[in-house]
PDB file of N, CA and C in Angstrom:
ATOM      1  N   UNK A   1      83.362  78.960  91.580  1.00  0.00           N
ATOM      2  CA  UNK A   1      82.518  80.072  91.979  1.00  0.00           C
ATOM      3  C   UNK A   1      83.283  81.080  92.851  1.00  0.00           C
ATOM      4  N   UNK A   2      82.932  82.277  92.761  1.00  0.00           N
ATOM      5  CA  UNK A   2      83.599  83.329  93.508  1.00  0.00           C
ATOM      6  C   UNK A   2      82.576  83.849  94.595  1.00  0.00           C
ATOM      7  N   UNK A   3      82.948  84.038  95.706  1.00  0.00           N
ATOM      8  CA  UNK A   3      82.059  84.596  96.778  1.00  0.00           C
ATOM      9  C   UNK A   3      82.714  85.933  97.247  1.00  0.00           C
ATOM     10  N   UNK A   4      81.808  86.996  97.079  1.00  0.00           N
ATOM     11  CA  UNK A   4      82.340  88.407  97.374  1.00  0.00           C
ATOM     12  C   UNK A   4      81.374  89.057  98.349  1.00  0.00           C
ATOM     13  N   UNK A   5      81.966  89.800  99.320  1.00  0.00           N
ATOM     14  CA  UNK A   5      81.200  90.596 100.201  1.00  0.00           C
ATOM     15  C   UNK A   5      81.082  91.900  99.532  1.00  0.00           C
ATOM     16  N   UNK A   6      79.878  92.181  98.922  1.00  0.00           N
ATOM     17  CA  UNK A   6      79.606  93.458  98.199  1.00  0.00           C
ATOM     18  C   UNK A   6      79.661  94.667  99.216  1.00  0.00           C
ATOM     19  N   UNK A   7      79.268  94.428 100.406  1.00  0.00           N
ATOM     20  CA  UNK A   7      79.152  95.523 101.400  1.00  0.00           C
ATOM     21  C   UNK A   7      80.601  96.056 101.742  1.00  0.00           C
ATOM     22  N   UNK A   8      81.561  95.185 101.742  1.00  0.00           N
ATOM     23  CA  UNK A   8      82.914  95.567 102.179  1.00  0.00           C
ATOM     24  C   UNK A   8      83.874  95.450 100.929  1.00  0.00           C
ATOM     25  N   UNK A   9      83.418  95.030  99.820  1.00  0.00           N
ATOM     26  CA  UNK A   9      84.262  94.917  98.624  1.00  0.00           C
ATOM     27  C   UNK A   9      85.429  93.990  98.919  1.00  0.00           C
ATOM     28  N   UNK A  10      85.218  92.892  99.561  1.00  0.00           N
ATOM     29  CA  UNK A  10      86.279  91.932  99.853  1.00  0.00           C
ATOM     30  C   UNK A  10      85.843  90.486  99.261  1.00  0.00           C
ATOM     31  N   UNK A  11      86.867  89.699  98.998  1.00  0.00           N
ATOM     32  CA  UNK A  11      86.682  88.376  98.474  1.00  0.00           C
ATOM     33  C   UNK A  11      86.698  87.358  99.559  1.00  0.00           C
ATOM     34  N   UNK A  12      85.652  86.528  99.695  1.00  0.00           N
ATOM     35  CA  UNK A  12      85.636  85.505 100.674  1.00  0.00           C
ATOM     36  C   UNK A  12      86.215  84.196 100.174  1.00  0.00           C
ATOM     37  N   UNK A  13      86.042  83.958  98.863  1.00  0.00           N
ATOM     38  CA  UNK A  13      86.537  82.641  98.243  1.00  0.00           C
ATOM     39  C   UNK A  13      86.579  82.870  96.691  1.00  0.00           C
ATOM     40  N   UNK A  14      87.626  82.369  96.101  1.00  0.00           N
ATOM     41  CA  UNK A  14      87.726  82.454  94.641  1.00  0.00           C
ATOM     42  C   UNK A  14      87.429  81.113  93.994  1.00  0.00           C
ATOM     43  N   UNK A  15      87.528  80.065  94.720  1.00  0.00           N
ATOM     44  CA  UNK A  15      87.317  78.665  94.190  1.00  0.00           C
ATOM     45  C   UNK A  15      86.283  77.955  95.044  1.00  0.00           C
ATOM     46  N   UNK A  16      85.061  78.445  95.166  1.00  0.00           N
ATOM     47  CA  UNK A  16      84.090  77.769  95.961  1.00  0.00           C
ATOM     48  C   UNK A  16      83.328  76.820  95.136  1.00  0.00           C
ATOM     49  N   UNK A  17      82.824  75.730  95.793  1.00  0.00           N
ATOM     50  CA  UNK A  17      81.962  74.770  95.084  1.00  0.00           C
ATOM     51  C   UNK A  17      80.597  74.724  95.774  1.00  0.00           C
ATOM     52  N   UNK A  18      79.620  74.266  95.018  1.00  0.00           N
ATOM     53  CA  UNK A  18      78.267  74.173  95.561  1.00  0.00           C
ATOM     54  C   UNK A  18      77.961  72.702  95.842  1.00  0.00           C
ATOM     55  N   UNK A  19      77.410  72.447  97.028  1.00  0.00           N
ATOM     56  CA  UNK A  19      76.961  71.070  97.338  1.00  0.00           C
ATOM     57  C   UNK A  19      75.542  70.999  96.898  1.00  0.00           C
ATOM     58  N   UNK A  20      75.275  70.422  95.749  1.00  0.00           N
ATOM     59  CA  UNK A  20      73.962  70.459  95.184  1.00  0.00           C
ATOM     60  C   UNK A  20      73.227  69.111  95.463  1.00  0.00           C
ATOM     61  N   UNK A  21      73.935  68.061  95.269  1.00  0.00           N
ATOM     62  CA  UNK A  21      73.222  66.734  95.446  1.00  0.00           C
ATOM     63  C   UNK A  21      73.185  66.329  96.912  1.00  0.00           C
ATOM     64  N   UNK A  22      72.312  65.408  97.163  1.00  0.00           N
ATOM     65  CA  UNK A  22      72.162  64.902  98.540  1.00  0.00           C
ATOM     66  C   UNK A  22      73.464  64.360  99.079  1.00  0.00           C
ATOM     67  N   UNK A  23      74.195  63.566  98.232  1.00  0.00           N
ATOM     68  CA  UNK A  23      75.443  62.971  98.600  1.00  0.00           C
ATOM     69  C   UNK A  23      76.524  64.058  98.959  1.00  0.00           C
ATOM     70  N   UNK A  24      76.592  65.078  98.042  1.00  0.00           N
ATOM     71  CA  UNK A  24      77.622  66.182  98.358  1.00  0.00           C
ATOM     72  C   UNK A  24      77.245  66.935  99.524  1.00  0.00           C
ATOM     73  N   UNK A  25      75.933  67.110  99.815  1.00  0.00           N
ATOM     74  CA  UNK A  25      75.529  67.867 101.027  1.00  0.00           C
ATOM     75  C   UNK A  25      75.835  67.079 102.290  1.00  0.00           C
ATOM     76  N   UNK A  26      75.641  65.778 102.208  1.00  0.00           N
ATOM     77  CA  UNK A  26      75.927  64.921 103.399  1.00  0.00           C
ATOM     78  C   UNK A  26      77.432  64.839 103.596  1.00  0.00           C
ATOM     79  N   UNK A  27      78.185  64.665 102.543  1.00  0.00           N
ATOM     80  CA  UNK A  27      79.667  64.679 102.655  1.00  0.00           C
ATOM     81  C   UNK A  27      80.329  65.968 103.134  1.00  0.00           C
ATOM     82  N   UNK A  28      79.861  67.040 102.494  1.00  0.00           N
ATOM     83  CA  UNK A  28      80.405  68.354 102.874  1.00  0.00           C
ATOM     84  C   UNK A  28      81.915  68.370 102.751  1.00  0.00           C
ATOM     85  N   UNK A  29      82.582  68.702 103.824  1.00  0.00           N
ATOM     86  CA  UNK A  29      84.043  68.815 103.825  1.00  0.00           C
ATOM     87  C   UNK A  29      84.747  67.565 104.477  1.00  0.00           C
ATOM     88  N   UNK A  30      83.920  66.497 104.738  1.00  0.00           N
ATOM     89  CA  UNK A  30      84.450  65.332 105.338  1.00  0.00           C
ATOM     90  C   UNK A  30      85.434  64.564 104.409  1.00  0.00           C
ATOM     91  N   UNK A  31      86.460  64.207 104.946  1.00  0.00           N
ATOM     92  CA  UNK A  31      87.522  63.499 104.176  1.00  0.00           C
ATOM     93  C   UNK A  31      88.597  64.442 103.647  1.00  0.00           C
ATOM     94  N   UNK A  32      88.379  65.708 103.867  1.00  0.00           N
ATOM     95  CA  UNK A  32      89.422  66.668 103.493  1.00  0.00           C
ATOM     96  C   UNK A  32      90.391  66.867 104.576  1.00  0.00           C
ATOM     97  N   UNK A  33      91.639  67.115 104.324  1.00  0.00           N
ATOM     98  CA  UNK A  33      92.579  67.378 105.304  1.00  0.00           C
ATOM     99  C   UNK A  33      92.646  68.846 105.795  1.00  0.00           C
ATOM    100  N   UNK A  34      92.192  69.721 104.840  1.00  0.00           N
ATOM    101  CA  UNK A  34      92.156  71.144 105.207  1.00  0.00           C
ATOM    102  C   UNK A  34      91.371  71.871 104.161  1.00  0.00           C
ATOM    103  N   UNK A  35      90.852  73.122 104.422  1.00  0.00           N
ATOM    104  CA  UNK A  35      90.250  73.952 103.518  1.00  0.00           C
ATOM    105  C   UNK A  35      91.228  75.161 103.373  1.00  0.00           C
ATOM    106  N   UNK A  36      91.839  75.295 102.158  1.00  0.00           N
ATOM    107  CA  UNK A  36      92.821  76.311 102.006  1.00  0.00           C
ATOM    108  C   UNK A  36      92.255  77.682 101.573  1.00  0.00           C
ATOM    109  N   UNK A  37      93.036  78.682 101.754  1.00  0.00           N
ATOM    110  CA  UNK A  37      92.638  80.099 101.423  1.00  0.00           C
ATOM    111  C   UNK A  37      92.184  80.084  99.972  1.00  0.00           C
ATOM    112  N   UNK A  38      91.053  80.728  99.735  1.00  0.00           N
ATOM    113  CA  UNK A  38      90.468  80.813  98.444  1.00  0.00           C
ATOM    114  C   UNK A  38      89.389  79.807  98.119  1.00  0.00           C
ATOM    115  N   UNK A  39      89.291  78.745  99.025  1.00  0.00           N
ATOM    116  CA  UNK A  39      88.289  77.732  98.824  1.00  0.00           C
ATOM    117  C   UNK A  39      87.102  78.021  99.699  1.00  0.00           C
ATOM    118  N   UNK A  40      86.021  77.380  99.357  1.00  0.00           N
ATOM    119  CA  UNK A  40      84.826  77.523 100.153  1.00  0.00           C
ATOM    120  C   UNK A  40      83.793  76.496  99.740  1.00  0.00           C
ATOM    121  N   UNK A  41      82.788  76.148 100.594  1.00  0.00           N
ATOM    122  CA  UNK A  41      81.693  75.328 100.192  1.00  0.00           C
ATOM    123  C   UNK A  41      80.370  76.108 100.461  1.00  0.00           C
ATOM    124  N   UNK A  42      79.592  76.046  99.371  1.00  0.00           N
ATOM    125  CA  UNK A  42      78.275  76.705  99.450  1.00  0.00           C
ATOM    126  C   UNK A  42      77.240  75.576  99.525  1.00  0.00           C
ATOM    127  N   UNK A  43      76.398  75.746 100.581  1.00  0.00           N
ATOM    128  CA  UNK A  43      75.212  74.755 100.741  1.00  0.00           C
ATOM    129  C   UNK A  43      73.922  75.438 100.642  1.00  0.00           C
ATOM    130  N   UNK A  44      73.241  75.367  99.523  1.00  0.00           N
ATOM    131  CA  UNK A  44      71.938  76.032  99.352  1.00  0.00           C
ATOM    132  C   UNK A  44      70.865  75.381 100.213  1.00  0.00           C
ATOM    133  N   UNK A  45      69.820  76.132 100.548  1.00  0.00           N
ATOM    134  CA  UNK A  45      68.648  75.572 101.341  1.00  0.00           C
ATOM    135  C   UNK A  45      69.144  74.852 102.571  1.00  0.00           C
ATOM    136  N   UNK A  46      70.015  75.591 103.291  1.00  0.00           N
ATOM    137  CA  UNK A  46      70.631  74.982 104.459  1.00  0.00           C
ATOM    138  C   UNK A  46      70.607  75.918 105.620  1.00  0.00           C
ATOM    139  N   UNK A  47      70.009  75.619 106.750  1.00  0.00           N
ATOM    140  CA  UNK A  47      69.970  76.426 107.929  1.00  0.00           C
ATOM    141  C   UNK A  47      70.787  75.832 109.137  1.00  0.00           C
ATOM    142  N   UNK A  48      71.453  74.685 108.873  1.00  0.00           N
ATOM    143  CA  UNK A  48      72.279  74.110 109.971  1.00  0.00           C
ATOM    144  C   UNK A  48      73.358  73.256 109.372  1.00  0.00           C
ATOM    145  N   UNK A  49      74.439  73.136 110.123  1.00  0.00           N
ATOM    146  CA  UNK A  49      75.521  72.273 109.672  1.00  0.00           C
ATOM    147  C   UNK A  49      76.147  71.548 110.886  1.00  0.00           C
ATOM    148  N   UNK A  50      76.878  70.548 110.671  1.00  0.00           N
ATOM    149  CA  UNK A  50      77.653  69.861 111.731  1.00  0.00           C
ATOM    150  C   UNK A  50      79.126  69.713 111.232  1.00  0.00           C
ATOM    151  N   UNK A  51      79.962  69.622 112.192  1.00  0.00           N
ATOM    152  CA  UNK A  51      81.409  69.364 111.836  1.00  0.00           C
ATOM    153  C   UNK A  51      81.855  68.066 112.420  1.00  0.00           C
ATOM    154  N   UNK A  52      80.900  67.130 112.625  1.00  0.00           N
ATOM    155  CA  UNK A  52      81.207  65.829 113.120  1.00  0.00           C
ATOM    156  C   UNK A  52      82.269  65.092 112.296  1.00  0.00           C
ATOM    157  N   UNK A  53      83.331  64.589 112.837  1.00  0.00           N
ATOM    158  CA  UNK A  53      84.367  63.705 112.221  1.00  0.00           C
ATOM    159  C   UNK A  53      85.256  64.584 111.244  1.00  0.00           C
ATOM    160  N   UNK A  54      85.138  65.959 111.281  1.00  0.00           N
ATOM    161  CA  UNK A  54      86.042  66.792 110.537  1.00  0.00           C
ATOM    162  C   UNK A  54      87.409  66.950 111.327  1.00  0.00           C
ATOM    163  N   UNK A  55      88.405  67.091 110.649  1.00  0.00           N
ATOM    164  CA  UNK A  55      89.827  67.181 111.276  1.00  0.00           C
ATOM    165  C   UNK A  55      90.304  68.617 111.381  1.00  0.00           C
ATOM    166  N   UNK A  56      89.465  69.609 111.076  1.00  0.00           N
ATOM    167  CA  UNK A  56      89.999  71.023 111.122  1.00  0.00           C
ATOM    168  C   UNK A  56      88.838  71.953 111.432  1.00  0.00           C
ATOM    169  N   UNK A  57      89.156  73.134 111.773  1.00  0.00           N
ATOM    170  CA  UNK A  57      88.106  74.131 112.140  1.00  0.00           C
ATOM    171  C   UNK A  57      87.784  74.981 110.835  1.00  0.00           C
ATOM    172  N   UNK A  58      86.628  75.578 110.901  1.00  0.00           N
ATOM    173  CA  UNK A  58      86.186  76.393 109.728  1.00  0.00           C
ATOM    174  C   UNK A  58      85.469  77.668 110.206  1.00  0.00           C
ATOM    175  N   UNK A  59      85.311  78.637 109.340  1.00  0.00           N
ATOM    176  CA  UNK A  59      84.447  79.745 109.605  1.00  0.00           C
ATOM    177  C   UNK A  59      83.104  79.485 108.845  1.00  0.00           C
ATOM    178  N   UNK A  60      82.037  79.939 109.402  1.00  0.00           N
ATOM    179  CA  UNK A  60      80.712  79.609 108.798  1.00  0.00           C
ATOM    180  C   UNK A  60      79.866  80.970 108.717  1.00  0.00           C
ATOM    181  N   UNK A  61      79.254  81.104 107.526  1.00  0.00           N
ATOM    182  CA  UNK A  61      78.358  82.302 107.355  1.00  0.00           C
ATOM    183  C   UNK A  61      77.049  81.817 106.914  1.00  0.00           C
ATOM    184  N   UNK A  62      75.976  82.258 107.511  1.00  0.00           N
ATOM    185  CA  UNK A  62      74.573  81.924 107.088  1.00  0.00           C
ATOM    186  C   UNK A  62      74.011  83.142 106.431  1.00  0.00           C
ATOM    187  N   UNK A  63      73.398  82.948 105.310  1.00  0.00           N
ATOM    188  CA  UNK A  63      72.712  84.021 104.534  1.00  0.00           C
ATOM    189  C   UNK A  63      71.163  83.829 104.461  1.00  0.00           C
ATOM    190  N   UNK A  64      70.502  84.916 104.323  1.00  0.00           N
ATOM    191  CA  UNK A  64      68.997  84.768 104.161  1.00  0.00           C
ATOM    192  C   UNK A  64      68.710  84.713 102.644  1.00  0.00           C
ATOM    193  N   UNK A  65      67.464  84.761 102.257  1.00  0.00           N
ATOM    194  CA  UNK A  65      67.127  84.550 100.884  1.00  0.00           C
ATOM    195  C   UNK A  65      67.424  85.795 100.062  1.00  0.00           C
ATOM    196  N   UNK A  66      67.855  86.942 100.691  1.00  0.00           N
ATOM    197  CA  UNK A  66      68.344  88.062  99.957  1.00  0.00           C
ATOM    198  C   UNK A  66      69.904  88.093  99.937  1.00  0.00           C
ATOM    199  N   UNK A  67      70.519  87.024 100.370  1.00  0.00           N
ATOM    200  CA  UNK A  67      71.961  86.942 100.480  1.00  0.00           C
ATOM    201  C   UNK A  67      72.584  87.935 101.407  1.00  0.00           C
ATOM    202  N   UNK A  68      71.921  88.231 102.522  1.00  0.00           N
ATOM    203  CA  UNK A  68      72.451  89.119 103.525  1.00  0.00           C
ATOM    204  C   UNK A  68      72.891  88.110 104.716  1.00  0.00           C
ATOM    205  N   UNK A  69      73.993  88.539 105.332  1.00  0.00           N
ATOM    206  CA  UNK A  69      74.506  87.694 106.396  1.00  0.00           C
ATOM    207  C   UNK A  69      73.628  87.851 107.591  1.00  0.00           C
ATOM    208  N   UNK A  70      73.185  86.660 108.067  1.00  0.00           N
ATOM    209  CA  UNK A  70      72.278  86.646 109.272  1.00  0.00           C
ATOM    210  C   UNK A  70      73.000  86.124 110.563  1.00  0.00           C
ATOM    211  N   UNK A  71      73.957  85.362 110.271  1.00  0.00           N
ATOM    212  CA  UNK A  71      74.780  84.788 111.500  1.00  0.00           C
ATOM    213  C   UNK A  71      76.131  84.365 111.024  1.00  0.00           C
ATOM    214  N   UNK A  72      77.101  84.606 111.895  1.00  0.00           N
ATOM    215  CA  UNK A  72      78.502  84.250 111.650  1.00  0.00           C
ATOM    216  C   UNK A  72      79.082  83.435 112.864  1.00  0.00           C
ATOM    217  N   UNK A  73      79.812  82.393 112.489  1.00  0.00           N
ATOM    218  CA  UNK A  73      80.464  81.620 113.575  1.00  0.00           C
ATOM    219  C   UNK A  73      81.928  81.495 113.048  1.00  0.00           C
ATOM    220  N   UNK A  74      82.786  82.018 113.933  1.00  0.00           N
ATOM    221  CA  UNK A  74      84.262  81.843 113.597  1.00  0.00           C
ATOM    222  C   UNK A  74      84.890  80.716 114.268  1.00  0.00           C
ATOM    223  N   UNK A  75      85.867  80.094 113.659  1.00  0.00           N
ATOM    224  CA  UNK A  75      86.671  78.963 114.231  1.00  0.00           C
ATOM    225  C   UNK A  75      85.802  77.867 114.818  1.00  0.00           C
ATOM    226  N   UNK A  76      84.859  77.303 113.989  1.00  0.00           N
ATOM    227  CA  UNK A  76      83.990  76.290 114.503  1.00  0.00           C
ATOM    228  C   UNK A  76      84.917  74.983 114.390  1.00  0.00           C
ATOM    229  N   UNK A  77      85.085  74.369 115.561  1.00  0.00           N
ATOM    230  CA  UNK A  77      85.856  73.227 115.596  1.00  0.00           C
ATOM    231  C   UNK A  77      85.174  71.891 115.319  1.00  0.00           C
ATOM    232  N   UNK A  78      85.883  70.762 115.185  1.00  0.00           N
ATOM    233  CA  UNK A  78      85.197  69.511 114.910  1.00  0.00           C
ATOM    234  C   UNK A  78      84.163  69.142 116.005  1.00  0.00           C
ATOM    235  N   UNK A  79      83.180  68.288 115.599  1.00  0.00           N
ATOM    236  CA  UNK A  79      82.188  67.766 116.505  1.00  0.00           C
ATOM    237  C   UNK A  79      81.297  68.933 117.098  1.00  0.00           C
ATOM    238  N   UNK A  80      80.890  69.853 116.223  1.00  0.00           N
ATOM    239  CA  UNK A  80      80.018  70.973 116.607  1.00  0.00           C
ATOM    240  C   UNK A  80      78.747  70.918 115.793  1.00  0.00           C
ATOM    241  N   UNK A  81      77.690  71.432 116.291  1.00  0.00           N
ATOM    242  CA  UNK A  81      76.422  71.568 115.533  1.00  0.00           C
ATOM    243  C   UNK A  81      76.045  73.055 115.631  1.00  0.00           C
ATOM    244  N   UNK A  82      75.879  73.692 114.395  1.00  0.00           N
ATOM    245  CA  UNK A  82      75.604  75.132 114.335  1.00  0.00           C
ATOM    246  C   UNK A  82      74.248  75.209 113.535  1.00  0.00           C
ATOM    247  N   UNK A  83      73.374  76.118 114.073  1.00  0.00           N
ATOM    248  CA  UNK A  83      72.170  76.336 113.185  1.00  0.00           C
ATOM    249  C   UNK A  83      71.856  77.806 113.202  1.00  0.00           C
ATOM    250  N   UNK A  84      70.967  78.102 112.258  1.00  0.00           N
ATOM    251  CA  UNK A  84      70.459  79.440 112.039  1.00  0.00           C
ATOM    252  C   UNK A  84      69.025  79.337 111.701  1.00  0.00           C
ATOM    253  N   UNK A  85      68.191  78.960 112.709  1.00  0.00           N
ATOM    254  CA  UNK A  85      66.746  78.756 112.323  1.00  0.00           C
ATOM    255  C   UNK A  85      66.026  79.938 111.766  1.00  0.00           C
ATOM    256  N   UNK A  86      65.108  79.685 110.918  1.00  0.00           N
ATOM    257  CA  UNK A  86      64.251  80.686 110.307  1.00  0.00           C
ATOM    258  C   UNK A  86      64.783  81.627 109.335  1.00  0.00           C
ATOM    259  N   UNK A  87      66.078  81.992 109.475  1.00  0.00           N
ATOM    260  CA  UNK A  87      66.597  82.913 108.506  1.00  0.00           C
ATOM    261  C   UNK A  87      67.697  82.278 107.686  1.00  0.00           C
ATOM    262  N   UNK A  88      68.210  81.119 107.983  1.00  0.00           N
ATOM    263  CA  UNK A  88      69.305  80.524 107.248  1.00  0.00           C
ATOM    264  C   UNK A  88      68.853  79.849 105.992  1.00  0.00           C
ATOM    265  N   UNK A  89      69.237  80.400 104.897  1.00  0.00           N
ATOM    266  CA  UNK A  89      68.823  79.864 103.561  1.00  0.00           C
ATOM    267  C   UNK A  89      70.083  79.275 102.745  1.00  0.00           C
ATOM    268  N   UNK A  90      71.214  79.932 102.939  1.00  0.00           N
ATOM    269  CA  UNK A  90      72.448  79.541 102.305  1.00  0.00           C
ATOM    270  C   UNK A  90      73.529  79.442 103.427  1.00  0.00           C
ATOM    271  N   UNK A  91      74.246  78.380 103.434  1.00  0.00           N
ATOM    272  CA  UNK A  91      75.373  78.302 104.379  1.00  0.00           C
ATOM    273  C   UNK A  91      76.676  78.272 103.590  1.00  0.00           C
ATOM    274  N   UNK A  92      77.640  79.110 103.996  1.00  0.00           N
ATOM    275  CA  UNK A  92      78.956  79.082 103.428  1.00  0.00           C
ATOM    276  C   UNK A  92      80.038  78.712 104.377  1.00  0.00           C
ATOM    277  N   UNK A  93      80.821  77.679 104.067  1.00  0.00           N
ATOM    278  CA  UNK A  93      81.908  77.221 104.933  1.00  0.00           C
ATOM    279  C   UNK A  93      83.248  77.734 104.279  1.00  0.00           C
ATOM    280  N   UNK A  94      84.055  78.307 105.114  1.00  0.00           N
ATOM    281  CA  UNK A  94      85.320  78.976 104.658  1.00  0.00           C
ATOM    282  C   UNK A  94      86.476  78.549 105.566  1.00  0.00           C
ATOM    283  N   UNK A  95      87.605  78.688 105.062  1.00  0.00           N
ATOM    284  CA  UNK A  95      88.855  78.514 105.890  1.00  0.00           C
ATOM    285  C   UNK A  95      88.801  79.407 107.107  1.00  0.00           C
ATOM    286  N   UNK A  96      89.338  78.927 108.173  1.00  0.00           N
ATOM    287  CA  UNK A  96      89.476  79.665 109.435  1.00  0.00           C
ATOM    288  C   UNK A  96      90.175  80.951 109.189  1.00  0.00           C
ATOM    289  N   UNK A  97      89.595  82.080 109.669  1.00  0.00           N
ATOM    290  CA  UNK A  97      90.194  83.389 109.609  1.00  0.00           C
ATOM    291  C   UNK A  97      89.628  84.219 108.408  1.00  0.00           C
ATOM    292  N   UNK A  98      88.831  83.605 107.563  1.00  0.00           N
ATOM    293  CA  UNK A  98      88.372  84.388 106.395  1.00  0.00           C
ATOM    294  C   UNK A  98      87.300  85.450 106.722  1.00  0.00           C
ATOM    295  N   UNK A  99      86.487  85.201 107.769  1.00  0.00           N
ATOM    296  CA  UNK A  99      85.513  86.132 108.255  1.00  0.00           C
ATOM    297  C   UNK A  99      86.254  87.467 108.678  1.00  0.00           C
ATOM    298  N   UNK A 100      87.267  87.246 109.564  1.00  0.00           N
ATOM    299  CA  UNK A 100      88.046  88.436 109.973  1.00  0.00           C
ATOM    300  C   UNK A 100      88.796  89.074 108.819  1.00  0.00           C
ATOM    301  N   UNK A 101      89.423  88.289 107.950  1.00  0.00           N
ATOM    302  CA  UNK A 101      90.172  88.852 106.822  1.00  0.00           C
ATOM    303  C   UNK A 101      89.371  89.739 105.880  1.00  0.00           C
ATOM    304  N   UNK A 102      88.107  89.296 105.664  1.00  0.00           N
ATOM    305  CA  UNK A 102      87.226  89.963 104.756  1.00  0.00           C
ATOM    306  C   UNK A 102      86.343  91.031 105.464  1.00  0.00           C
ATOM    307  N   UNK A 103      86.533  91.099 106.720  1.00  0.00           N
ATOM    308  CA  UNK A 103      85.709  92.068 107.598  1.00  0.00           C
ATOM    309  C   UNK A 103      84.210  91.828 107.417  1.00  0.00           C
ATOM    310  N   UNK A 104      83.755  90.613 107.200  1.00  0.00           N
ATOM    311  CA  UNK A 104      82.429  90.293 107.085  1.00  0.00           C
ATOM    312  C   UNK A 104      81.671  90.431 108.323  1.00  0.00           C
ATOM    313  N   UNK A 105      80.465  91.012 108.310  1.00  0.00           N
ATOM    314  CA  UNK A 105      79.631  91.249 109.507  1.00  0.00           C
ATOM    315  C   UNK A 105      78.182  90.951 109.263  1.00  0.00           C
ATOM    316  N   UNK A 106      77.387  90.832 110.245  1.00  0.00           N
ATOM    317  CA  UNK A 106      75.940  90.680 110.159  1.00  0.00           C
ATOM    318  C   UNK A 106      75.386  91.838 109.269  1.00  0.00           C
ATOM    319  N   UNK A 107      74.483  91.456 108.365  1.00  0.00           N
ATOM    320  CA  UNK A 107      73.882  92.432 107.515  1.00  0.00           C
ATOM    321  C   UNK A 107      74.573  92.767 106.249  1.00  0.00           C
ATOM    322  N   UNK A 108      75.841  92.267 106.005  1.00  0.00           N
ATOM    323  CA  UNK A 108      76.463  92.457 104.778  1.00  0.00           C
ATOM    324  C   UNK A 108      75.854  91.679 103.650  1.00  0.00           C
ATOM    325  N   UNK A 109      75.933  92.315 102.486  1.00  0.00           N
ATOM    326  CA  UNK A 109      75.388  91.677 101.328  1.00  0.00           C
ATOM    327  C   UNK A 109      76.442  90.814 100.573  1.00  0.00           C
ATOM    328  N   UNK A 110      76.140  89.606 100.280  1.00  0.00           N
ATOM    329  CA  UNK A 110      77.091  88.604  99.640  1.00  0.00           C
ATOM    330  C   UNK A 110      76.678  88.306  98.233  1.00  0.00           C
ATOM    331  N   UNK A 111      77.663  88.220  97.337  1.00  0.00           N
ATOM    332  CA  UNK A 111      77.316  87.866  95.949  1.00  0.00           C
ATOM    333  C   UNK A 111      78.093  86.578  95.654  1.00  0.00           C
ATOM    334  N   UNK A 112      77.464  85.647  94.984  1.00  0.00           N
ATOM    335  CA  UNK A 112      78.009  84.342  94.487  1.00  0.00           C
ATOM    336  C   UNK A 112      78.070  84.427  93.025  1.00  0.00           C
ATOM    337  N   UNK A 113      79.194  84.407  92.475  1.00  0.00           N
ATOM    338  CA  UNK A 113      79.390  84.534  91.067  1.00  0.00           C
ATOM    339  C   UNK A 113      79.978  83.255  90.434  1.00  0.00           C
ATOM    340  N   UNK A 114      79.408  82.822  89.320  1.00  0.00           N
ATOM    341  CA  UNK A 114      79.902  81.707  88.595  1.00  0.00           C
ATOM    342  C   UNK A 114      81.155  82.152  87.840  1.00  0.00           C
ATOM    343  N   UNK A 115      82.193  81.467  88.007  1.00  0.00           N
ATOM    344  CA  UNK A 115      83.526  81.866  87.413  1.00  0.00           C
ATOM    345  C   UNK A 115      83.519  81.618  85.837  1.00  0.00           C
TER     346      UNK A 115
END
């Protein structure tokens, strides 16, 4: 899947995957050594995440049900808990630095395309 910031016409990820099942949602990025440029994890119906036991930092974007950015957290390190109560509908986890590289900001419209 491809994640695009429509407001800025920038690409957030070219090879994102969706965590659909309970197991894939629980596992998330655990067990991975790194999240490389172009990769991303989309977690539907998700207003909070944790980075317990992860070995690397990530950028996190929370979207509302209109796929507008409601919250951004850059460089979230291991053993952190991040939430976006009430407005968080979709969570996107990206490699560190992708929020800045794509100039993504609060209010931007995000598109998720099936490749």
